[in-house]
């Protein structure tokens, strides 16, 4: 009977259920011990063997779960390292292309000629320039390239005036 006193409560609950005893899940260990040993069909050797099997199954399940958690943690760490490596690789490539002065400028995806009508001399130029500024910001053209995109939209007379200015 000393083997029962060394068992865990979970194992004793499972043992009592296996022996066909009705057990309250909130029962105390002493109540479980008394219930199992006072059963009319109590056989010490059989009970000890059953308890050993139940304990071994629980331990194997715990080991299996621990192993699964370790494997999952290893996979997660591997994925994390992989993504960190890819991120570092992209950052280094990005820094290399930014530091290289021979990198051609990217052409905007949207054509400004399709977004903006040509300037009409009879309309207000300040409204036209405001609209131009909004469109050029929207398509993300650097500010130092704005003039090269504005000139094709203006009439030739205005382009000549702008070209003569120092």
Protein backbone atom coordinates (compact mmCIF):
# COMPACT_ATOMS: atom_id res chain seq x y z
CA UNK A 1 0.00 0.00 0.00
CA UNK A 2 2.99 2.32 0.39
CA UNK A 3 3.19 2.48 -3.41
CA UNK A 4 -0.20 4.25 -3.42
CA UNK A 5 0.96 6.97 -1.04
CA UNK A 6 3.84 7.85 -3.41
CA UNK A 7 1.53 8.25 -6.43
CA UNK A 8 0.32 11.55 -7.79
CA UNK A 9 -3.27 12.61 -7.45
CA UNK A 10 -3.79 12.52 -11.22
CA UNK A 11 -2.57 8.94 -11.32
CA UNK A 12 -4.80 7.95 -8.40
CA UNK A 13 -7.84 9.52 -10.09
CA UNK A 14 -7.10 7.60 -13.27
CA UNK A 15 -6.54 4.39 -11.30
CA UNK A 16 -9.86 4.77 -9.49
CA UNK A 17 -11.66 5.29 -12.80
CA UNK A 18 -9.89 2.26 -14.29
CA UNK A 19 -11.02 0.17 -11.33
CA UNK A 20 -14.61 1.26 -11.97
CA UNK A 21 -14.94 3.44 -8.89
CA UNK A 22 -16.95 6.65 -8.97
CA UNK A 23 -14.68 9.48 -7.94
CA UNK A 24 -15.16 13.18 -7.37
CA UNK A 25 -12.42 15.05 -9.29
CA UNK A 26 -12.00 17.37 -6.30
CA UNK A 27 -11.39 14.49 -3.88
CA UNK A 28 -8.31 14.63 -1.69
CA UNK A 29 -5.49 12.12 -1.94
CA UNK A 30 -6.38 10.52 1.40
CA UNK A 31 -9.98 10.03 0.21
CA UNK A 32 -8.73 8.43 -3.00
CA UNK A 33 -6.42 6.09 -1.08
CA UNK A 34 -9.24 5.05 1.24
CA UNK A 35 -11.65 4.54 -1.68
CA UNK A 36 -9.19 2.35 -3.62
CA UNK A 37 -8.03 0.23 -0.66
CA UNK A 38 -11.52 -0.26 0.80
CA UNK A 39 -12.92 -1.57 -2.49
CA UNK A 40 -14.19 -5.16 -2.16
CA UNK A 41 -12.23 -6.19 -5.31
CA UNK A 42 -8.94 -4.63 -4.10
CA UNK A 43 -5.90 -6.70 -5.07
CA UNK A 44 -2.57 -5.10 -4.13
CA UNK A 45 -0.49 -6.64 -6.94
CA UNK A 46 -3.06 -5.84 -9.62
CA UNK A 47 -3.49 -2.28 -8.31
CA UNK A 48 0.29 -1.78 -8.21
CA UNK A 49 0.66 -3.00 -11.81
CA UNK A 50 -2.19 -0.77 -12.98
CA UNK A 51 -0.69 2.23 -11.21
CA UNK A 52 2.71 1.53 -12.77
CA UNK A 53 1.15 1.42 -16.24
CA UNK A 54 -0.80 4.64 -15.62
CA UNK A 55 2.28 6.42 -14.27
CA UNK A 56 4.44 5.27 -17.19
CA UNK A 57 1.83 6.39 -19.73
CA UNK A 58 1.58 9.81 -18.09
CA UNK A 59 5.37 10.19 -18.07
CA UNK A 60 5.62 9.13 -21.72
CA UNK A 61 2.91 11.64 -22.65
CA UNK A 62 4.75 14.38 -20.77
CA UNK A 63 8.02 13.47 -22.50
CA UNK A 64 6.30 13.44 -25.88
CA UNK A 65 4.76 16.87 -25.23
CA UNK A 66 8.09 18.24 -24.02
CA UNK A 67 9.81 16.89 -27.13
CA UNK A 68 7.13 18.43 -29.35
CA UNK A 69 7.55 21.79 -27.60
CA UNK A 70 11.33 21.60 -28.03
CA UNK A 71 10.96 20.71 -31.71
CA UNK A 72 8.49 23.54 -32.22
CA UNK A 73 10.79 25.96 -30.41
CA UNK A 74 13.72 24.81 -32.59
CA UNK A 75 11.65 25.27 -35.75
CA UNK A 76 10.55 28.73 -34.62
CA UNK A 77 14.12 29.74 -33.82
CA UNK A 78 15.29 28.39 -37.17
CA UNK A 79 12.57 30.36 -38.99
CA UNK A 80 13.42 33.47 -37.00
CA UNK A 81 17.12 33.15 -37.85
CA UNK A 82 16.23 32.55 -41.49
CA UNK A 83 14.07 35.69 -41.63
CA UNK A 84 16.72 37.73 -39.81
CA UNK A 85 19.30 36.52 -42.32
CA UNK A 86 17.05 37.48 -45.24
CA UNK A 87 16.40 40.89 -43.68
CA UNK A 88 20.12 41.52 -43.18
CA UNK A 89 20.79 40.42 -46.73
CA UNK A 90 18.17 42.84 -48.08
CA UNK A 91 19.47 45.66 -45.91
CA UNK A 92 23.02 45.10 -47.13
CA UNK A 93 21.87 44.99 -50.74
CA UNK A 94 19.90 48.18 -50.20
CA UNK A 95 22.88 49.94 -48.61
CA UNK A 96 25.12 48.76 -51.43
CA UNK A 97 22.81 50.11 -54.12
CA UNK A 98 22.35 53.42 -52.28
CA UNK A 99 26.08 53.90 -51.80
CA UNK A 100 26.82 53.07 -55.45
CA UNK A 101 26.75 56.34 -57.40
CA UNK A 102 26.23 54.62 -60.77
CA UNK A 103 22.78 53.30 -59.94
CA UNK A 104 20.30 54.56 -62.52
CA UNK A 105 17.33 56.47 -61.18
CA UNK A 106 14.09 54.58 -61.25
CA UNK A 107 11.52 55.82 -63.69
CA UNK A 108 8.18 56.63 -62.08
CA UNK A 109 5.47 54.12 -62.86
CA UNK A 110 2.92 56.79 -63.73
CA UNK A 111 3.44 59.07 -66.69
CA UNK A 112 2.89 62.69 -65.70
CA UNK A 113 1.84 63.58 -69.26
CA UNK A 114 -1.20 61.34 -68.81
CA UNK A 115 -2.05 62.77 -65.39
CA UNK A 116 -1.74 66.46 -66.27
CA UNK A 117 -3.14 68.34 -69.25
CA UNK A 118 -0.87 70.79 -71.04
CA UNK A 119 -1.00 74.29 -69.60
CA UNK A 120 -3.49 76.62 -71.28
CA UNK A 121 -2.10 80.18 -71.47
CA UNK A 122 -5.54 81.65 -70.75
CA UNK A 123 -5.91 79.86 -67.38
CA UNK A 124 -4.41 80.75 -64.00
CA UNK A 125 -0.82 79.46 -63.68
CA UNK A 126 -0.88 79.31 -59.85
CA UNK A 127 -3.79 76.82 -59.93
CA UNK A 128 -1.98 74.79 -62.59
CA UNK A 129 1.27 74.74 -60.57
CA UNK A 130 -0.61 73.68 -57.40
CA UNK A 131 -2.21 70.81 -59.31
CA UNK A 132 1.17 69.90 -60.80
CA UNK A 133 2.77 69.86 -57.35
CA UNK A 134 0.06 67.57 -55.93
CA UNK A 135 0.36 65.13 -58.83
CA UNK A 136 4.14 65.01 -58.77
CA UNK A 137 4.17 64.39 -55.00
CA UNK A 138 1.59 61.63 -55.50
CA UNK A 139 3.77 59.77 -57.99
CA UNK A 140 6.84 60.31 -55.77
CA UNK A 141 9.20 62.16 -58.07
CA UNK A 142 12.17 63.75 -56.25
CA UNK A 143 11.93 67.52 -55.93
CA UNK A 144 15.13 68.18 -57.86
CA UNK A 145 13.52 66.54 -60.94
CA UNK A 146 10.30 68.56 -60.90
CA UNK A 147 11.44 71.11 -63.51
CA UNK A 148 12.30 68.43 -66.05
CA UNK A 149 8.77 67.06 -65.70
CA UNK A 150 7.12 70.49 -65.76
CA UNK A 151 8.75 71.85 -68.91
CA UNK A 152 7.10 69.44 -71.38
CA UNK A 153 3.70 70.48 -70.02
CA UNK A 154 4.23 74.21 -70.57
CA UNK A 155 3.88 76.14 -73.85
CA UNK A 156 7.07 76.85 -75.80
CA UNK A 157 7.04 80.59 -74.96
CA UNK A 158 7.13 79.90 -71.22
CA UNK A 159 9.78 77.18 -71.66
CA UNK A 160 12.04 79.65 -73.48
CA UNK A 161 11.65 82.17 -70.66
CA UNK A 162 12.49 79.53 -68.04
CA UNK A 163 15.47 78.32 -70.10
CA UNK A 164 16.97 81.84 -70.26
CA UNK A 165 16.82 82.36 -66.49
CA UNK A 166 20.16 81.64 -64.75
